[in-house]
């Protein structure tokens, strides 16, 4: 049910059903076809899931009367503006993890990678997260210390995009956070040499059981390969969806030293920040 668009207009419902019934060609899969049956399925016929008609999926967002205007900014400090939206997201019953974010990193030769993880703190200095330094993202940040993070709060029709330079947090900060985690999570960080190849899940189970026994009455030491990062933002974009796809995009950007903005389109914000509206 979650894959169907939420429609209240009966004409749209009729159109969607009619579209799916009339569709005579598949919409996804290699060479324009649906994926083959799974191994072990001996059925001679294959009935594709109608939800795979991806092009028909569409959801209404906000109307023009609910647009996000510049005069609705609660602060000209983008961190404070983020805090306001973040608080709304944490209070929304439909959002289970408001601090879930997509982190994108890149190799020096331009090969990107992305993954979901959790924000663990933010403030004037930037945005904090913790991970294994030897993981793919850790290796990429070591050689190319820039990253982008995206928060998407579907229930609010909002996203926030943040880009900036990344540095490691002091070991003291990492150790303090590490020991605030449940003990099982601490042991999990020791068990997993993230992104390395392992034979099977049983390998993890055995190692986890060994360490649970080892640290039953002892403190789990912070692994030298685990710790925190701080993303210091140079751009923060606030996006709010519109049903007609004329989405709202207000971008805050740190003004480079000595650069004078075009004041007809770019506006002064707090500190060294400026903001402007982008076309959707």
C-alpha atoms as a PDB file:
ATOM      1  CA  UNK A   1       0.000   0.000   0.000  1.00  0.00           C
ATOM      2  CA  UNK A   2       2.873   2.364   0.738  1.00  0.00           C
ATOM      3  CA  UNK A   3       3.968   2.254  -2.894  1.00  0.00           C
ATOM      4  CA  UNK A   4       0.655   3.640  -4.203  1.00  0.00           C
ATOM      5  CA  UNK A   5       0.219   7.401  -4.528  1.00  0.00           C
ATOM      6  CA  UNK A   6      -2.124   9.010  -2.070  1.00  0.00           C
ATOM      7  CA  UNK A   7      -4.948  10.373  -4.203  1.00  0.00           C
ATOM      8  CA  UNK A   8      -8.170  12.013  -3.119  1.00  0.00           C
ATOM      9  CA  UNK A   9      -9.407  13.174  -6.531  1.00  0.00           C
ATOM     10  CA  UNK A  10     -11.578  10.339  -7.919  1.00  0.00           C
ATOM     11  CA  UNK A  11     -10.668  11.338 -11.476  1.00  0.00           C
ATOM     12  CA  UNK A  12      -6.999  10.739 -10.642  1.00  0.00           C
ATOM     13  CA  UNK A  13      -7.839   7.361  -9.110  1.00  0.00           C
ATOM     14  CA  UNK A  14      -9.741   6.402 -12.254  1.00  0.00           C
ATOM     15  CA  UNK A  15      -6.864   7.545 -14.454  1.00  0.00           C
ATOM     16  CA  UNK A  16      -4.282   5.618 -12.430  1.00  0.00           C
ATOM     17  CA  UNK A  17      -6.252   2.367 -12.483  1.00  0.00           C
ATOM     18  CA  UNK A  18      -7.038   2.797 -16.172  1.00  0.00           C
ATOM     19  CA  UNK A  19      -3.392   3.511 -16.930  1.00  0.00           C
ATOM     20  CA  UNK A  20      -2.204   0.378 -15.135  1.00  0.00           C
ATOM     21  CA  UNK A  21      -4.805  -1.795 -16.879  1.00  0.00           C
ATOM     22  CA  UNK A  22      -3.961  -0.399 -20.327  1.00  0.00           C
ATOM     23  CA  UNK A  23      -0.224  -0.673 -19.905  1.00  0.00           C
ATOM     24  CA  UNK A  24       0.934  -3.253 -22.441  1.00  0.00           C
ATOM     25  CA  UNK A  25       4.658  -2.653 -22.104  1.00  0.00           C
ATOM     26  CA  UNK A  26       6.746  -2.940 -18.949  1.00  0.00           C
ATOM     27  CA  UNK A  27       8.311   0.121 -17.379  1.00  0.00           C
ATOM     28  CA  UNK A  28      11.333  -1.098 -15.495  1.00  0.00           C
ATOM     29  CA  UNK A  29      14.068  -3.655 -15.780  1.00  0.00           C
ATOM     30  CA  UNK A  30      16.908  -4.443 -18.130  1.00  0.00           C
ATOM     31  CA  UNK A  31      16.167  -3.588 -21.754  1.00  0.00           C
ATOM     32  CA  UNK A  32      12.835  -2.129 -20.721  1.00  0.00           C
ATOM     33  CA  UNK A  33      11.485  -5.421 -19.332  1.00  0.00           C
ATOM     34  CA  UNK A  34      10.327  -6.621 -15.960  1.00  0.00           C
ATOM     35  CA  UNK A  35      12.824  -8.595 -13.893  1.00  0.00           C
ATOM     36  CA  UNK A  36      12.739 -12.377 -14.429  1.00  0.00           C
ATOM     37  CA  UNK A  37      11.129 -14.673 -11.850  1.00  0.00           C
ATOM     38  CA  UNK A  38      13.233 -15.390  -8.785  1.00  0.00           C
ATOM     39  CA  UNK A  39      15.280 -18.558  -8.689  1.00  0.00           C
ATOM     40  CA  UNK A  40      13.225 -21.496  -7.533  1.00  0.00           C
ATOM     41  CA  UNK A  41       9.967 -20.142  -8.929  1.00  0.00           C
ATOM     42  CA  UNK A  42       8.789 -22.912 -11.273  1.00  0.00           C
ATOM     43  CA  UNK A  43       5.646 -21.110 -12.378  1.00  0.00           C
ATOM     44  CA  UNK A  44       5.378 -20.970 -16.161  1.00  0.00           C
ATOM     45  CA  UNK A  45       3.685 -17.570 -16.063  1.00  0.00           C
ATOM     46  CA  UNK A  46       4.950 -14.348 -14.445  1.00  0.00           C
ATOM     47  CA  UNK A  47       2.535 -11.648 -13.326  1.00  0.00           C
ATOM     48  CA  UNK A  48       4.372  -8.364 -12.775  1.00  0.00           C
ATOM     49  CA  UNK A  49       3.478  -6.262  -9.745  1.00  0.00           C
ATOM     50  CA  UNK A  50       1.390  -3.287 -10.987  1.00  0.00           C
ATOM     51  CA  UNK A  51       3.253  -1.057  -8.537  1.00  0.00           C
ATOM     52  CA  UNK A  52       6.247  -1.396 -10.865  1.00  0.00           C
ATOM     53  CA  UNK A  53       4.597   1.109 -13.192  1.00  0.00           C
ATOM     54  CA  UNK A  54       6.885   3.702 -11.640  1.00  0.00           C
ATOM     55  CA  UNK A  55       6.076   6.484 -14.082  1.00  0.00           C
ATOM     56  CA  UNK A  56       2.487   6.571 -12.806  1.00  0.00           C
ATOM     57  CA  UNK A  57       3.559   7.239  -9.236  1.00  0.00           C
ATOM     58  CA  UNK A  58       2.872  10.808  -8.190  1.00  0.00           C
ATOM     59  CA  UNK A  59       2.008  12.443  -4.910  1.00  0.00           C
ATOM     60  CA  UNK A  60       0.558  15.875  -4.201  1.00  0.00           C
ATOM     61  CA  UNK A  61       2.692  18.191  -2.084  1.00  0.00           C
ATOM     62  CA  UNK A  62       1.791  21.650  -0.817  1.00  0.00           C
ATOM     63  CA  UNK A  63      -0.315  24.253  -2.615  1.00  0.00           C
ATOM     64  CA  UNK A  64       0.844  27.748  -3.533  1.00  0.00           C
ATOM     65  CA  UNK A  65      -0.840  29.235  -0.462  1.00  0.00           C
ATOM     66  CA  UNK A  66       1.521  27.109   1.654  1.00  0.00           C
ATOM     67  CA  UNK A  67       4.677  28.181  -0.188  1.00  0.00           C
ATOM     68  CA  UNK A  68       7.864  28.736   1.784  1.00  0.00           C
ATOM     69  CA  UNK A  69       8.575  32.461   1.412  1.00  0.00           C
ATOM     70  CA  UNK A  70      11.633  34.419   2.484  1.00  0.00           C
ATOM     71  CA  UNK A  71       9.592  36.263   5.125  1.00  0.00           C
ATOM     72  CA  UNK A  72       8.848  32.893   6.757  1.00  0.00           C
ATOM     73  CA  UNK A  73      12.488  32.288   7.664  1.00  0.00           C
ATOM     74  CA  UNK A  74      12.612  32.184  11.459  1.00  0.00           C
ATOM     75  CA  UNK A  75      16.255  33.316  11.380  1.00  0.00           C
ATOM     76  CA  UNK A  76      18.859  34.591   8.947  1.00  0.00           C
ATOM     77  CA  UNK A  77      21.245  32.144  10.591  1.00  0.00           C
ATOM     78  CA  UNK A  78      20.849  28.908   8.572  1.00  0.00           C
ATOM     79  CA  UNK A  79      21.795  26.731  11.562  1.00  0.00           C
ATOM     80  CA  UNK A  80      18.912  28.221  13.550  1.00  0.00           C
ATOM     81  CA  UNK A  81      16.614  27.784  10.554  1.00  0.00           C
ATOM     82  CA  UNK A  82      17.704  24.139  10.350  1.00  0.00           C
ATOM     83  CA  UNK A  83      17.037  23.730  14.084  1.00  0.00           C
ATOM     84  CA  UNK A  84      13.468  24.980  13.569  1.00  0.00           C
ATOM     85  CA  UNK A  85      12.743  22.560  10.721  1.00  0.00           C
ATOM     86  CA  UNK A  86      14.506  19.729  12.565  1.00  0.00           C
ATOM     87  CA  UNK A  87      12.346  20.295  15.650  1.00  0.00           C
ATOM     88  CA  UNK A  88       9.209  20.154  13.500  1.00  0.00           C
ATOM     89  CA  UNK A  89      10.429  16.872  12.012  1.00  0.00           C
ATOM     90  CA  UNK A  90      11.111  15.347  15.443  1.00  0.00           C
ATOM     91  CA  UNK A  91       7.585  16.230  16.568  1.00  0.00           C
ATOM     92  CA  UNK A  92       5.920  14.771  13.467  1.00  0.00           C
ATOM     93  CA  UNK A  93       4.424  11.340  14.350  1.00  0.00           C
ATOM     94  CA  UNK A  94       4.931  10.105  10.772  1.00  0.00           C
ATOM     95  CA  UNK A  95       8.699  10.630  10.919  1.00  0.00           C
ATOM     96  CA  UNK A  96      10.413   7.874  12.896  1.00  0.00           C
ATOM     97  CA  UNK A  97      14.014   9.064  12.553  1.00  0.00           C
ATOM     98  CA  UNK A  98      14.231  12.784  11.919  1.00  0.00           C
ATOM     99  CA  UNK A  99      18.028  12.569  12.224  1.00  0.00           C
ATOM    100  CA  UNK A 100      18.354  10.032   9.387  1.00  0.00           C
ATOM    101  CA  UNK A 101      20.417  11.519   6.581  1.00  0.00           C
ATOM    102  CA  UNK A 102      22.103  10.539   3.352  1.00  0.00           C
ATOM    103  CA  UNK A 103      25.852  11.188   3.430  1.00  0.00           C
ATOM    104  CA  UNK A 104      27.636  11.460   0.087  1.00  0.00           C
ATOM    105  CA  UNK A 105      31.417  11.306  -0.234  1.00  0.00           C
ATOM    106  CA  UNK A 106      33.707  11.107  -3.234  1.00  0.00           C
ATOM    107  CA  UNK A 107      37.105   9.752  -4.207  1.00  0.00           C
ATOM    108  CA  UNK A 108      39.771  12.165  -5.432  1.00  0.00           C
ATOM    109  CA  UNK A 109      39.112  11.028  -9.001  1.00  0.00           C
ATOM    110  CA  UNK A 110      35.406  11.850  -8.752  1.00  0.00           C
ATOM    111  CA  UNK A 111      33.725   8.513  -7.975  1.00  0.00           C
ATOM    112  CA  UNK A 112      30.838   9.249  -5.564  1.00  0.00           C
ATOM    113  CA  UNK A 113      29.212   6.998  -2.980  1.00  0.00           C
ATOM    114  CA  UNK A 114      26.253   7.536  -0.666  1.00  0.00           C
ATOM    115  CA  UNK A 115      24.688   5.865   2.350  1.00  0.00           C
ATOM    116  CA  UNK A 116      22.180   6.516   5.124  1.00  0.00           C
ATOM    117  CA  UNK A 117      23.316   7.202   8.669  1.00  0.00           C
ATOM    118  CA  UNK A 118      22.275   9.243  11.703  1.00  0.00           C
ATOM    119  CA  UNK A 119      23.083  12.817  12.641  1.00  0.00           C
ATOM    120  CA  UNK A 120      24.455  12.895  16.192  1.00  0.00           C
ATOM    121  CA  UNK A 121      24.725  16.601  16.894  1.00  0.00           C
ATOM    122  CA  UNK A 122      24.709  20.046  15.310  1.00  0.00           C
ATOM    123  CA  UNK A 123      25.407  23.627  16.242  1.00  0.00           C
ATOM    124  CA  UNK A 124      27.170  26.783  15.020  1.00  0.00           C
ATOM    125  CA  UNK A 125      30.305  24.737  14.288  1.00  0.00           C
ATOM    126  CA  UNK A 126      28.536  22.236  12.012  1.00  0.00           C
ATOM    127  CA  UNK A 127      27.018  18.748  11.853  1.00  0.00           C
ATOM    128  CA  UNK A 128      28.368  15.684  13.679  1.00  0.00           C
ATOM    129  CA  UNK A 129      28.285  12.004  12.798  1.00  0.00           C
ATOM    130  CA  UNK A 130      30.250   8.931  13.856  1.00  0.00           C
ATOM    131  CA  UNK A 131      31.544   5.950  11.921  1.00  0.00           C
ATOM    132  CA  UNK A 132      34.402   3.564  11.224  1.00  0.00           C
ATOM    133  CA  UNK A 133      37.430   5.461   9.892  1.00  0.00           C
ATOM    134  CA  UNK A 134      38.387   2.418   7.785  1.00  0.00           C
ATOM    135  CA  UNK A 135      35.005   2.221   6.027  1.00  0.00           C
ATOM    136  CA  UNK A 136      34.581   3.369   2.443  1.00  0.00           C
ATOM    137  CA  UNK A 137      33.316   6.762   3.543  1.00  0.00           C
ATOM    138  CA  UNK A 138      36.186   7.046   6.011  1.00  0.00           C
ATOM    139  CA  UNK A 139      38.767   6.267   3.331  1.00  0.00           C
ATOM    140  CA  UNK A 140      37.173   8.733   0.926  1.00  0.00           C
ATOM    141  CA  UNK A 141      37.058  11.485   3.560  1.00  0.00           C
ATOM    142  CA  UNK A 142      40.725  10.838   4.317  1.00  0.00           C
ATOM    143  CA  UNK A 143      41.764  11.649   0.742  1.00  0.00           C
ATOM    144  CA  UNK A 144      38.967  14.069  -0.183  1.00  0.00           C
ATOM    145  CA  UNK A 145      37.594  15.757   2.977  1.00  0.00           C
ATOM    146  CA  UNK A 146      34.402  17.224   1.535  1.00  0.00           C
ATOM    147  CA  UNK A 147      30.886  15.797   1.753  1.00  0.00           C
ATOM    148  CA  UNK A 148      27.187  16.459   1.240  1.00  0.00           C
ATOM    149  CA  UNK A 149      24.320  15.419   3.493  1.00  0.00           C
ATOM    150  CA  UNK A 150      20.593  15.400   2.755  1.00  0.00           C
ATOM    151  CA  UNK A 151      17.671  15.192   5.163  1.00  0.00           C
ATOM    152  CA  UNK A 152      14.344  14.224   3.570  1.00  0.00           C
ATOM    153  CA  UNK A 153      11.201  14.536   5.658  1.00  0.00           C
ATOM    154  CA  UNK A 154       8.492  13.200   3.360  1.00  0.00           C
ATOM    155  CA  UNK A 155       5.600  13.862   5.736  1.00  0.00           C
ATOM    156  CA  UNK A 156       6.494  17.569   5.738  1.00  0.00           C
ATOM    157  CA  UNK A 157       7.365  17.741   2.021  1.00  0.00           C
ATOM    158  CA  UNK A 158      10.766  19.108   3.003  1.00  0.00           C
ATOM    159  CA  UNK A 159      14.420  18.398   2.509  1.00  0.00           C
ATOM    160  CA  UNK A 160      17.617  20.115   3.588  1.00  0.00           C
ATOM    161  CA  UNK A 161      20.839  19.828   1.564  1.00  0.00           C
ATOM    162  CA  UNK A 162      24.150  20.649   3.229  1.00  0.00           C
ATOM    163  CA  UNK A 163      27.661  20.699   1.738  1.00  0.00           C
ATOM    164  CA  UNK A 164      30.994  21.455   3.316  1.00  0.00           C
ATOM    165  CA  UNK A 165      34.444  20.506   4.534  1.00  0.00           C
ATOM    166  CA  UNK A 166      34.831  17.551   6.898  1.00  0.00           C
ATOM    167  CA  UNK A 167      37.306  17.127   9.775  1.00  0.00           C
ATOM    168  CA  UNK A 168      37.719  14.462  12.436  1.00  0.00           C
ATOM    169  CA  UNK A 169      36.391  15.262  15.894  1.00  0.00           C
ATOM    170  CA  UNK A 170      38.840  15.210  18.833  1.00  0.00           C
ATOM    171  CA  UNK A 171      39.316  11.732  20.306  1.00  0.00           C
ATOM    172  CA  UNK A 172      37.816  12.933  23.593  1.00  0.00           C
ATOM    173  CA  UNK A 173      34.527  13.742  21.843  1.00  0.00           C
ATOM    174  CA  UNK A 174      34.497  10.369  20.093  1.00  0.00           C
ATOM    175  CA  UNK A 175      35.212   8.489  23.317  1.00  0.00           C
ATOM    176  CA  UNK A 176      32.488  10.355  25.205  1.00  0.00           C
ATOM    177  CA  UNK A 177      29.887   9.560  22.553  1.00  0.00           C
ATOM    178  CA  UNK A 178      31.105   5.966  22.131  1.00  0.00           C
ATOM    179  CA  UNK A 179      30.573   5.184  25.810  1.00  0.00           C
ATOM    180  CA  UNK A 180      27.137   6.836  25.792  1.00  0.00           C
ATOM    181  CA  UNK A 181      25.926   4.180  23.322  1.00  0.00           C
ATOM    182  CA  UNK A 182      24.305   0.900  24.435  1.00  0.00           C
ATOM    183  CA  UNK A 183      26.987  -1.669  25.245  1.00  0.00           C
ATOM    184  CA  UNK A 184      25.767  -3.924  22.434  1.00  0.00           C
ATOM    185  CA  UNK A 185      26.406  -1.089  19.964  1.00  0.00           C
ATOM    186  CA  UNK A 186      29.882  -0.525  21.391  1.00  0.00           C
ATOM    187  CA  UNK A 187      30.687  -4.207  20.924  1.00  0.00           C
ATOM    188  CA  UNK A 188      29.206  -4.095  17.424  1.00  0.00           C
ATOM    189  CA  UNK A 189      31.640  -1.312  16.499  1.00  0.00           C
ATOM    190  CA  UNK A 190      34.539  -3.493  17.656  1.00  0.00           C
ATOM    191  CA  UNK A 191      33.215  -6.584  15.883  1.00  0.00           C
ATOM    192  CA  UNK A 192      32.750  -4.942  12.495  1.00  0.00           C
ATOM    193  CA  UNK A 193      35.732  -3.833  10.430  1.00  0.00           C
ATOM    194  CA  UNK A 194      33.288  -1.957   8.246  1.00  0.00           C
ATOM    195  CA  UNK A 195      33.380  -2.492   4.463  1.00  0.00           C
ATOM    196  CA  UNK A 196      35.806  -5.451   4.704  1.00  0.00           C
ATOM    197  CA  UNK A 197      34.824  -8.801   3.160  1.00  0.00           C
ATOM    198  CA  UNK A 198      33.660 -11.547   5.549  1.00  0.00           C
ATOM    199  CA  UNK A 199      32.748 -15.206   4.852  1.00  0.00           C
ATOM    200  CA  UNK A 200      29.184 -15.152   6.216  1.00  0.00           C
ATOM    201  CA  UNK A 201      26.956 -13.771   8.991  1.00  0.00           C
ATOM    202  CA  UNK A 202      27.951 -16.618  11.297  1.00  0.00           C
ATOM    203  CA  UNK A 203      31.424 -15.050  11.392  1.00  0.00           C
ATOM    204  CA  UNK A 204      29.889 -11.929  12.959  1.00  0.00           C
ATOM    205  CA  UNK A 205      27.771 -13.938  15.397  1.00  0.00           C
ATOM    206  CA  UNK A 206      30.765 -15.860  16.722  1.00  0.00           C
ATOM    207  CA  UNK A 207      32.940 -12.770  17.064  1.00  0.00           C
ATOM    208  CA  UNK A 208      30.121 -10.861  18.757  1.00  0.00           C
ATOM    209  CA  UNK A 209      29.553 -13.699  21.247  1.00  0.00           C
ATOM    210  CA  UNK A 210      33.283 -13.806  22.071  1.00  0.00           C
ATOM    211  CA  UNK A 211      33.408 -10.067  22.737  1.00  0.00           C
ATOM    212  CA  UNK A 212      30.175 -10.076  24.746  1.00  0.00           C
ATOM    213  CA  UNK A 213      31.822 -12.615  27.025  1.00  0.00           C
ATOM    214  CA  UNK A 214      35.131 -10.713  27.106  1.00  0.00           C
ATOM    215  CA  UNK A 215      33.519  -7.385  28.033  1.00  0.00           C
ATOM    216  CA  UNK A 216      30.756  -8.741  30.256  1.00  0.00           C
ATOM    217  CA  UNK A 217      32.199  -7.058  33.330  1.00  0.00           C
ATOM    218  CA  UNK A 218      34.571  -4.639  31.611  1.00  0.00           C
ATOM    219  CA  UNK A 219      34.358  -1.378  29.722  1.00  0.00           C
ATOM    220  CA  UNK A 220      34.572  -1.665  25.956  1.00  0.00           C
ATOM    221  CA  UNK A 221      37.592   0.354  24.762  1.00  0.00           C
ATOM    222  CA  UNK A 222      37.130   2.842  21.941  1.00  0.00           C
ATOM    223  CA  UNK A 223      38.561   1.241  18.782  1.00  0.00           C
ATOM    224  CA  UNK A 224      41.340   3.300  17.202  1.00  0.00           C
ATOM    225  CA  UNK A 225      39.560   2.967  13.863  1.00  0.00           C
ATOM    226  CA  UNK A 226      36.248   4.457  15.091  1.00  0.00           C
ATOM    227  CA  UNK A 227      35.235   8.041  15.808  1.00  0.00           C
ATOM    228  CA  UNK A 228      33.434  11.196  14.825  1.00  0.00           C
ATOM    229  CA  UNK A 229      33.443  13.749  12.050  1.00  0.00           C
ATOM    230  CA  UNK A 230      32.316  17.349  11.820  1.00  0.00           C
ATOM    231  CA  UNK A 231      30.921  18.722   8.570  1.00  0.00           C
ATOM    232  CA  UNK A 232      31.470  22.479   8.513  1.00  0.00           C
ATOM    233  CA  UNK A 233      28.852  23.797   6.068  1.00  0.00           C
ATOM    234  CA  UNK A 234      29.488  26.281   3.311  1.00  0.00           C
ATOM    235  CA  UNK A 235      26.028  25.820   1.727  1.00  0.00           C
ATOM    236  CA  UNK A 236      22.662  24.923   3.300  1.00  0.00           C
ATOM    237  CA  UNK A 237      19.592  24.683   1.079  1.00  0.00           C
ATOM    238  CA  UNK A 238      16.013  24.540   2.363  1.00  0.00           C
ATOM    239  CA  UNK A 239      13.591  22.830  -0.044  1.00  0.00           C
ATOM    240  CA  UNK A 240       9.831  22.544   0.232  1.00  0.00           C
ATOM    241  CA  UNK A 241       7.731  20.668  -2.313  1.00  0.00           C
ATOM    242  CA  UNK A 242       4.879  22.115  -4.364  1.00  0.00           C
ATOM    243  CA  UNK A 243       2.230  20.038  -6.130  1.00  0.00           C
ATOM    244  CA  UNK A 244       2.817  21.914  -9.415  1.00  0.00           C
ATOM    245  CA  UNK A 245       6.549  21.128  -9.045  1.00  0.00           C
ATOM    246  CA  UNK A 246       7.422  24.833  -8.660  1.00  0.00           C
ATOM    247  CA  UNK A 247       9.225  23.880  -5.465  1.00  0.00           C
ATOM    248  CA  UNK A 248      10.642  26.393  -2.998  1.00  0.00           C
ATOM    249  CA  UNK A 249      14.436  26.481  -2.758  1.00  0.00           C
ATOM    250  CA  UNK A 250      16.207  28.967  -0.483  1.00  0.00           C
ATOM    251  CA  UNK A 251      19.970  28.597  -0.445  1.00  0.00           C
ATOM    252  CA  UNK A 252      22.289  29.953   2.246  1.00  0.00           C
ATOM    253  CA  UNK A 253      25.917  30.266   1.210  1.00  0.00           C
ATOM    254  CA  UNK A 254      29.044  31.454   2.962  1.00  0.00           C
ATOM    255  CA  UNK A 255      30.316  34.565   1.216  1.00  0.00           C
ATOM    256  CA  UNK A 256      33.911  34.167   0.094  1.00  0.00           C
ATOM    257  CA  UNK A 257      36.252  36.783   1.490  1.00  0.00           C
ATOM    258  CA  UNK A 258      36.437  39.869  -0.701  1.00  0.00           C
ATOM    259  CA  UNK A 259      33.465  38.845  -2.855  1.00  0.00           C
ATOM    260  CA  UNK A 260      30.661  41.402  -3.194  1.00  0.00           C
ATOM    261  CA  UNK A 261      27.208  39.882  -3.829  1.00  0.00           C
ATOM    262  CA  UNK A 262      24.653  41.124  -6.353  1.00  0.00           C
ATOM    263  CA  UNK A 263      22.266  42.695  -3.843  1.00  0.00           C
ATOM    264  CA  UNK A 264      19.346  42.646  -6.293  1.00  0.00           C
ATOM    265  CA  UNK A 265      19.219  38.824  -6.142  1.00  0.00           C
ATOM    266  CA  UNK A 266      21.371  37.892  -3.150  1.00  0.00           C
ATOM    267  CA  UNK A 267      20.548  39.013   0.380  1.00  0.00           C
ATOM    268  CA  UNK A 268      22.723  39.496   3.457  1.00  0.00           C
ATOM    269  CA  UNK A 269      22.183  37.011   6.246  1.00  0.00           C
ATOM    270  CA  UNK A 270      23.853  36.584   9.651  1.00  0.00           C
ATOM    271  CA  UNK A 271      27.636  36.524   9.885  1.00  0.00           C
ATOM    272  CA  UNK A 272      29.342  35.636   6.618  1.00  0.00           C
ATOM    273  CA  UNK A 273      26.189  34.044   5.183  1.00  0.00           C
ATOM    274  CA  UNK A 274      24.085  35.269   2.269  1.00  0.00           C
ATOM    275  CA  UNK A 275      20.883  33.758   0.925  1.00  0.00           C
ATOM    276  CA  UNK A 276      19.072  33.600  -2.387  1.00  0.00           C
ATOM    277  CA  UNK A 277      16.131  31.843  -4.052  1.00  0.00           C
ATOM    278  CA  UNK A 278      16.868  29.212  -6.684  1.00  0.00           C
ATOM    279  CA  UNK A 279      14.642  28.172  -9.541  1.00  0.00           C
ATOM    280  CA  UNK A 280      13.162  24.703  -8.910  1.00  0.00           C
END
